[in-house]
Amino acid sequence: MDAIGPGAVLYLALCWAAGSLLWARILGRKLGADPISTGSGNPGARNAGRLFGPAAFAAVFIGDALKGAAAVLAGRYLGHPEWLIAAGGALAVLGHVFPLYGGKGGKGVSAFVGAALAFSPSAFVGFLVGTVASLLPLRSATLAMPGGFAAWIAALWLSGILPDSWPLILAAGVVLARHRQDFSEANRRR
């Protein structure tokens, strides 16, 4: 890895800033309720869907996924090396979890989905296959998530891009860590 210059640092900072835009809070302001103080208290798609309905879930999921994808696509457009592009996607995810302006962040799933899909569509198929294969016996999207991440990492390895993917793999670990309580609750419900 070469040292990164000021342009790359600016790119990474903008990725974090873009990740810090929490679409559930933006939509909540328009609809008159802040998802941080209502429902589960999480500024993400699932809570927005509970509070405002399926269209809100879709809008927030897509908005948050687009910021992850935009970070990766901007890195490619700027000609950055693949590991730096993965770092840009990871910072969009981390911006969602730990917003630049402070305050409560989300859990990062939607931003991760956008970044991972844009980074390697073929490896993302592994994520989908692993999630569905885990979902069938577990019957819980939350509990199926680790299976999706494991299959995604295997697909990155098989495609030969695992070494450049390490920042996104670290971001996936943060997403899983943010779901610890959800895993416990989902296991208790089973």
C-alpha atoms as a PDB file:
ATOM      1  CA  MET A   1       0.000   0.000   0.000  1.00  0.00           C
ATOM      2  CA  ASP A   2       1.307   3.382  -0.975  1.00  0.00           C
ATOM      3  CA  ALA A   3       0.903   6.468   1.175  1.00  0.00           C
ATOM      4  CA  ILE A   4      -2.267   8.328   0.361  1.00  0.00           C
ATOM      5  CA  GLY A   5      -2.291  11.929  -0.755  1.00  0.00           C
ATOM      6  CA  PRO A   6      -4.572  14.838   0.078  1.00  0.00           C
ATOM      7  CA  GLY A   7      -7.062  13.896  -2.653  1.00  0.00           C
ATOM      8  CA  ALA A   8      -7.488  10.425  -1.194  1.00  0.00           C
ATOM      9  CA  VAL A   9      -7.872  11.837   2.322  1.00  0.00           C
ATOM     10  CA  LEU A  10     -10.574  14.209   1.055  1.00  0.00           C
ATOM     11  CA  TYR A  11     -12.298  11.291  -0.711  1.00  0.00           C
ATOM     12  CA  LEU A  12     -12.314   9.239   2.512  1.00  0.00           C
ATOM     13  CA  ALA A  13     -13.592  12.187   4.572  1.00  0.00           C
ATOM     14  CA  LEU A  14     -16.425  12.755   2.090  1.00  0.00           C
ATOM     15  CA  CYS A  15     -17.323   9.048   2.248  1.00  0.00           C
ATOM     16  CA  TRP A  16     -17.663   9.297   6.027  1.00  0.00           C
ATOM     17  CA  ALA A  17     -19.690  12.500   5.696  1.00  0.00           C
ATOM     18  CA  ALA A  18     -22.014  10.895   3.132  1.00  0.00           C
ATOM     19  CA  GLY A  19     -22.436   7.878   5.393  1.00  0.00           C
ATOM     20  CA  SER A  20     -23.446  10.235   8.198  1.00  0.00           C
ATOM     21  CA  LEU A  21     -26.626  11.238   6.341  1.00  0.00           C
ATOM     22  CA  LEU A  22     -29.240   9.136   8.120  1.00  0.00           C
ATOM     23  CA  TRP A  23     -32.194   8.831   5.753  1.00  0.00           C
ATOM     24  CA  ALA A  24     -34.531   7.599   8.506  1.00  0.00           C
ATOM     25  CA  ARG A  25     -33.993  10.858  10.392  1.00  0.00           C
ATOM     26  CA  ILE A  26     -34.398  12.933   7.224  1.00  0.00           C
ATOM     27  CA  LEU A  27     -37.663  11.147   6.360  1.00  0.00           C
ATOM     28  CA  GLY A  28     -38.786  11.256   9.988  1.00  0.00           C
ATOM     29  CA  ARG A  29     -38.429  15.052  10.042  1.00  0.00           C
ATOM     30  CA  LYS A  30     -40.671  15.268   6.981  1.00  0.00           C
ATOM     31  CA  LEU A  31     -43.231  12.930   8.566  1.00  0.00           C
ATOM     32  CA  GLY A  32     -43.132  14.489  12.020  1.00  0.00           C
ATOM     33  CA  ALA A  33     -41.366  11.829  14.127  1.00  0.00           C
ATOM     34  CA  ASP A  34     -37.711  11.274  14.923  1.00  0.00           C
ATOM     35  CA  PRO A  35     -36.898   7.544  14.731  1.00  0.00           C
ATOM     36  CA  ILE A  36     -34.235   7.972  17.422  1.00  0.00           C
ATOM     37  CA  SER A  37     -36.895   8.887  19.979  1.00  0.00           C
ATOM     38  CA  THR A  38     -39.663   6.652  18.593  1.00  0.00           C
ATOM     39  CA  GLY A  39     -40.046   2.926  18.000  1.00  0.00           C
ATOM     40  CA  SER A  40     -36.842   0.965  18.550  1.00  0.00           C
ATOM     41  CA  GLY A  41     -34.778   4.165  18.621  1.00  0.00           C
ATOM     42  CA  ASN A  42     -32.667   3.033  15.674  1.00  0.00           C
ATOM     43  CA  PRO A  43     -32.313   5.434  12.727  1.00  0.00           C
ATOM     44  CA  GLY A  44     -32.528   2.702  10.117  1.00  0.00           C
ATOM     45  CA  ALA A  45     -34.869   1.199   7.547  1.00  0.00           C
ATOM     46  CA  ARG A  46     -36.526  -1.368   9.820  1.00  0.00           C
ATOM     47  CA  ASN A  47     -37.561   1.213  12.422  1.00  0.00           C
ATOM     48  CA  ALA A  48     -38.677   3.628   9.689  1.00  0.00           C
ATOM     49  CA  GLY A  49     -40.823   0.831   8.263  1.00  0.00           C
ATOM     50  CA  ARG A  50     -42.377   0.131  11.659  1.00  0.00           C
ATOM     51  CA  LEU A  51     -43.105   3.817  12.216  1.00  0.00           C
ATOM     52  CA  PHE A  52     -44.153   4.971   8.750  1.00  0.00           C
ATOM     53  CA  GLY A  53     -44.945   1.847   6.711  1.00  0.00           C
ATOM     54  CA  PRO A  54     -43.387  -0.270   3.950  1.00  0.00           C
ATOM     55  CA  ALA A  55     -42.766   2.638   1.587  1.00  0.00           C
ATOM     56  CA  ALA A  56     -40.670   4.338   4.281  1.00  0.00           C
ATOM     57  CA  PHE A  57     -38.707   1.120   4.821  1.00  0.00           C
ATOM     58  CA  ALA A  58     -37.939   0.950   1.093  1.00  0.00           C
ATOM     59  CA  ALA A  59     -37.064   4.645   0.829  1.00  0.00           C
ATOM     60  CA  VAL A  60     -34.692   4.551   3.801  1.00  0.00           C
ATOM     61  CA  PHE A  61     -33.107   1.241   2.761  1.00  0.00           C
ATOM     62  CA  ILE A  62     -32.480   2.512  -0.769  1.00  0.00           C
ATOM     63  CA  GLY A  63     -31.225   5.917   0.426  1.00  0.00           C
ATOM     64  CA  ASP A  64     -28.802   4.348   2.886  1.00  0.00           C
ATOM     65  CA  ALA A  65     -27.657   1.746   0.336  1.00  0.00           C
ATOM     66  CA  LEU A  66     -27.037   4.460  -2.249  1.00  0.00           C
ATOM     67  CA  LYS A  67     -24.589   6.283   0.011  1.00  0.00           C
ATOM     68  CA  GLY A  68     -22.512   3.086   0.347  1.00  0.00           C
ATOM     69  CA  ALA A  69     -22.650   2.509  -3.404  1.00  0.00           C
ATOM     70  CA  ALA A  70     -21.846   6.157  -4.153  1.00  0.00           C
ATOM     71  CA  ALA A  71     -18.687   5.977  -2.032  1.00  0.00           C
ATOM     72  CA  VAL A  72     -17.427   2.962  -3.985  1.00  0.00           C
ATOM     73  CA  LEU A  73     -18.422   4.311  -7.390  1.00  0.00           C
ATOM     74  CA  ALA A  74     -16.828   7.697  -6.649  1.00  0.00           C
ATOM     75  CA  GLY A  75     -13.574   5.938  -5.732  1.00  0.00           C
ATOM     76  CA  ARG A  76     -13.630   4.050  -9.020  1.00  0.00           C
ATOM     77  CA  TYR A  77     -14.392   7.216 -10.963  1.00  0.00           C
ATOM     78  CA  LEU A  78     -11.453   8.946  -9.266  1.00  0.00           C
ATOM     79  CA  GLY A  79      -9.152   6.031 -10.148  1.00  0.00           C
ATOM     80  CA  HIS A  80      -8.224   5.068  -6.604  1.00  0.00           C
ATOM     81  CA  PRO A  81      -6.734   1.612  -5.918  1.00  0.00           C
ATOM     82  CA  GLU A  82      -9.200  -1.089  -4.959  1.00  0.00           C
ATOM     83  CA  TRP A  83      -8.217  -1.212  -1.265  1.00  0.00           C
ATOM     84  CA  LEU A  84      -8.856   2.552  -1.021  1.00  0.00           C
ATOM     85  CA  ILE A  85     -12.203   2.153  -2.761  1.00  0.00           C
ATOM     86  CA  ALA A  86     -13.078  -0.546  -0.226  1.00  0.00           C
ATOM     87  CA  ALA A  87     -12.006   1.877   2.517  1.00  0.00           C
ATOM     88  CA  GLY A  88     -14.339   4.517   1.066  1.00  0.00           C
ATOM     89  CA  GLY A  89     -17.225   2.061   1.163  1.00  0.00           C
ATOM     90  CA  ALA A  90     -16.278   1.054   4.703  1.00  0.00           C
ATOM     91  CA  LEU A  91     -16.208   4.692   5.810  1.00  0.00           C
ATOM     92  CA  ALA A  92     -19.700   5.220   4.382  1.00  0.00           C
ATOM     93  CA  VAL A  93     -20.836   2.291   6.546  1.00  0.00           C
ATOM     94  CA  LEU A  94     -18.949   3.628   9.573  1.00  0.00           C
ATOM     95  CA  GLY A  95     -20.416   7.087   8.962  1.00  0.00           C
ATOM     96  CA  HIS A  96     -23.866   5.538   9.256  1.00  0.00           C
ATOM     97  CA  VAL A  97     -22.913   3.775  12.489  1.00  0.00           C
ATOM     98  CA  PHE A  98     -20.825   6.644  13.934  1.00  0.00           C
ATOM     99  CA  PRO A  99     -22.101   9.850  12.305  1.00  0.00           C
ATOM    100  CA  LEU A 100     -19.576  12.597  11.701  1.00  0.00           C
ATOM    101  CA  TYR A 101     -21.771  15.133  13.505  1.00  0.00           C
ATOM    102  CA  GLY A 102     -22.179  12.884  16.568  1.00  0.00           C
ATOM    103  CA  GLY A 103     -25.402  11.492  17.911  1.00  0.00           C
ATOM    104  CA  LYS A 104     -26.874   8.046  17.531  1.00  0.00           C
ATOM    105  CA  GLY A 105     -26.086   6.160  14.371  1.00  0.00           C
ATOM    106  CA  GLY A 106     -27.735   3.160  12.789  1.00  0.00           C
ATOM    107  CA  LYS A 107     -26.552  -0.421  12.465  1.00  0.00           C
ATOM    108  CA  GLY A 108     -25.102  -0.084   8.969  1.00  0.00           C
ATOM    109  CA  VAL A 109     -26.782  -2.918   7.053  1.00  0.00           C
ATOM    110  CA  SER A 110     -28.206  -0.856   4.189  1.00  0.00           C
ATOM    111  CA  ALA A 111     -25.027   1.176   3.704  1.00  0.00           C
ATOM    112  CA  PHE A 112     -23.014  -2.066   3.744  1.00  0.00           C
ATOM    113  CA  VAL A 113     -25.323  -3.668   1.160  1.00  0.00           C
ATOM    114  CA  GLY A 114     -24.821  -0.725  -1.210  1.00  0.00           C
ATOM    115  CA  ALA A 115     -21.049  -0.636  -0.735  1.00  0.00           C
ATOM    116  CA  ALA A 116     -20.601  -4.412  -1.071  1.00  0.00           C
ATOM    117  CA  LEU A 117     -22.840  -4.614  -4.138  1.00  0.00           C
ATOM    118  CA  ALA A 118     -21.010  -1.765  -5.882  1.00  0.00           C
ATOM    119  CA  PHE A 119     -17.577  -3.105  -4.877  1.00  0.00           C
ATOM    120  CA  SER A 120     -18.153  -6.588  -6.317  1.00  0.00           C
ATOM    121  CA  PRO A 121     -21.565  -7.556  -7.699  1.00  0.00           C
ATOM    122  CA  SER A 122     -20.418 -11.156  -8.191  1.00  0.00           C
ATOM    123  CA  ALA A 123     -19.219 -11.506  -4.584  1.00  0.00           C
ATOM    124  CA  PHE A 124     -22.445  -9.894  -3.416  1.00  0.00           C
ATOM    125  CA  VAL A 125     -24.297 -12.823  -4.981  1.00  0.00           C
ATOM    126  CA  GLY A 126     -22.449 -14.933  -2.394  1.00  0.00           C
ATOM    127  CA  PHE A 127     -23.871 -12.700   0.354  1.00  0.00           C
ATOM    128  CA  LEU A 128     -27.387 -13.223  -0.985  1.00  0.00           C
ATOM    129  CA  VAL A 129     -26.958 -16.978  -1.362  1.00  0.00           C
ATOM    130  CA  GLY A 130     -25.477 -17.302   2.131  1.00  0.00           C
ATOM    131  CA  THR A 131     -28.265 -15.215   3.641  1.00  0.00           C
ATOM    132  CA  VAL A 132     -31.032 -17.197   1.926  1.00  0.00           C
ATOM    133  CA  ALA A 133     -29.375 -20.536   2.750  1.00  0.00           C
ATOM    134  CA  SER A 134     -29.160 -19.484   6.406  1.00  0.00           C
ATOM    135  CA  LEU A 135     -32.655 -18.024   6.413  1.00  0.00           C
ATOM    136  CA  LEU A 136     -34.310 -21.283   5.423  1.00  0.00           C
ATOM    137  CA  PRO A 137     -33.419 -23.236   8.591  1.00  0.00           C
ATOM    138  CA  LEU A 138     -33.182 -20.245  10.955  1.00  0.00           C
ATOM    139  CA  ARG A 139     -36.335 -18.389   9.832  1.00  0.00           C
ATOM    140  CA  SER A 140     -34.869 -15.091  11.019  1.00  0.00           C
ATOM    141  CA  ALA A 141     -33.272 -12.483   8.772  1.00  0.00           C
ATOM    142  CA  THR A 142     -31.248 -11.279  11.746  1.00  0.00           C
ATOM    143  CA  LEU A 143     -29.864 -14.733  12.534  1.00  0.00           C
ATOM    144  CA  ALA A 144     -29.210 -15.377   8.820  1.00  0.00           C
ATOM    145  CA  MET A 145     -26.963 -12.315   8.506  1.00  0.00           C
ATOM    146  CA  PRO A 146     -23.721 -14.009   9.696  1.00  0.00           C
ATOM    147  CA  GLY A 147     -24.231 -16.739   7.081  1.00  0.00           C
ATOM    148  CA  GLY A 148     -24.512 -14.068   4.409  1.00  0.00           C
ATOM    149  CA  PHE A 149     -21.316 -12.367   5.573  1.00  0.00           C
ATOM    150  CA  ALA A 150     -19.427 -15.690   5.678  1.00  0.00           C
ATOM    151  CA  ALA A 151     -20.532 -16.567   2.140  1.00  0.00           C
ATOM    152  CA  TRP A 152     -19.630 -13.051   0.944  1.00  0.00           C
ATOM    153  CA  ILE A 153     -16.096 -13.394   2.325  1.00  0.00           C
ATOM    154  CA  ALA A 154     -15.778 -16.795   0.639  1.00  0.00           C
ATOM    155  CA  ALA A 155     -16.948 -15.238  -2.647  1.00  0.00           C
ATOM    156  CA  LEU A 156     -14.385 -12.432  -2.274  1.00  0.00           C
ATOM    157  CA  TRP A 157     -11.684 -15.057  -1.763  1.00  0.00           C
ATOM    158  CA  LEU A 158     -12.847 -17.133  -4.750  1.00  0.00           C
ATOM    159  CA  SER A 159     -12.893 -14.042  -6.964  1.00  0.00           C
ATOM    160  CA  GLY A 160      -9.326 -13.168  -5.938  1.00  0.00           C
ATOM    161  CA  ILE A 161     -10.149  -9.756  -4.464  1.00  0.00           C
ATOM    162  CA  LEU A 162     -10.078 -10.673  -0.777  1.00  0.00           C
ATOM    163  CA  PRO A 163      -6.761  -8.856  -0.068  1.00  0.00           C
ATOM    164  CA  ASP A 164      -8.158  -5.526  -1.335  1.00  0.00           C
ATOM    165  CA  SER A 165     -11.464  -6.040   0.494  1.00  0.00           C
ATOM    166  CA  TRP A 166     -10.157  -5.858   4.074  1.00  0.00           C
ATOM    167  CA  PRO A 167     -11.693  -2.439   4.897  1.00  0.00           C
ATOM    168  CA  LEU A 168     -15.154  -3.670   3.909  1.00  0.00           C
ATOM    169  CA  ILE A 169     -14.602  -6.876   5.877  1.00  0.00           C
ATOM    170  CA  LEU A 170     -13.818  -4.766   8.956  1.00  0.00           C
ATOM    171  CA  ALA A 171     -16.996  -2.752   8.315  1.00  0.00           C
ATOM    172  CA  ALA A 172     -18.949  -6.022   8.115  1.00  0.00           C
ATOM    173  CA  GLY A 173     -17.560  -6.898  11.536  1.00  0.00           C
ATOM    174  CA  VAL A 174     -18.826  -3.576  12.903  1.00  0.00           C
ATOM    175  CA  VAL A 175     -22.279  -4.260  11.418  1.00  0.00           C
ATOM    176  CA  LEU A 176     -22.360  -7.676  13.074  1.00  0.00           C
ATOM    177  CA  ALA A 177     -21.194  -6.206  16.383  1.00  0.00           C
ATOM    178  CA  ARG A 178     -23.976  -3.607  16.232  1.00  0.00           C
ATOM    179  CA  HIS A 179     -26.471  -6.485  15.994  1.00  0.00           C
ATOM    180  CA  ARG A 180     -25.290  -8.382  19.115  1.00  0.00           C
ATOM    181  CA  GLN A 181     -28.429  -7.575  21.082  1.00  0.00           C
ATOM    182  CA  ASP A 182     -30.619  -8.402  18.070  1.00  0.00           C
ATOM    183  CA  PHE A 183     -28.947 -11.823  17.800  1.00  0.00           C
ATOM    184  CA  SER A 184     -29.680 -12.516  21.475  1.00  0.00           C
ATOM    185  CA  GLU A 185     -33.314 -11.424  21.140  1.00  0.00           C
ATOM    186  CA  ALA A 186     -33.833 -13.443  17.951  1.00  0.00           C
ATOM    187  CA  ASN A 187     -32.351 -16.546  19.602  1.00  0.00           C
ATOM    188  CA  ARG A 188     -34.689 -16.144  22.595  1.00  0.00           C
ATOM    189  CA  ARG A 189     -37.723 -15.917  20.283  1.00  0.00           C
ATOM    190  CA  ARG A 190     -36.817 -19.182  18.532  1.00  0.00           C
END
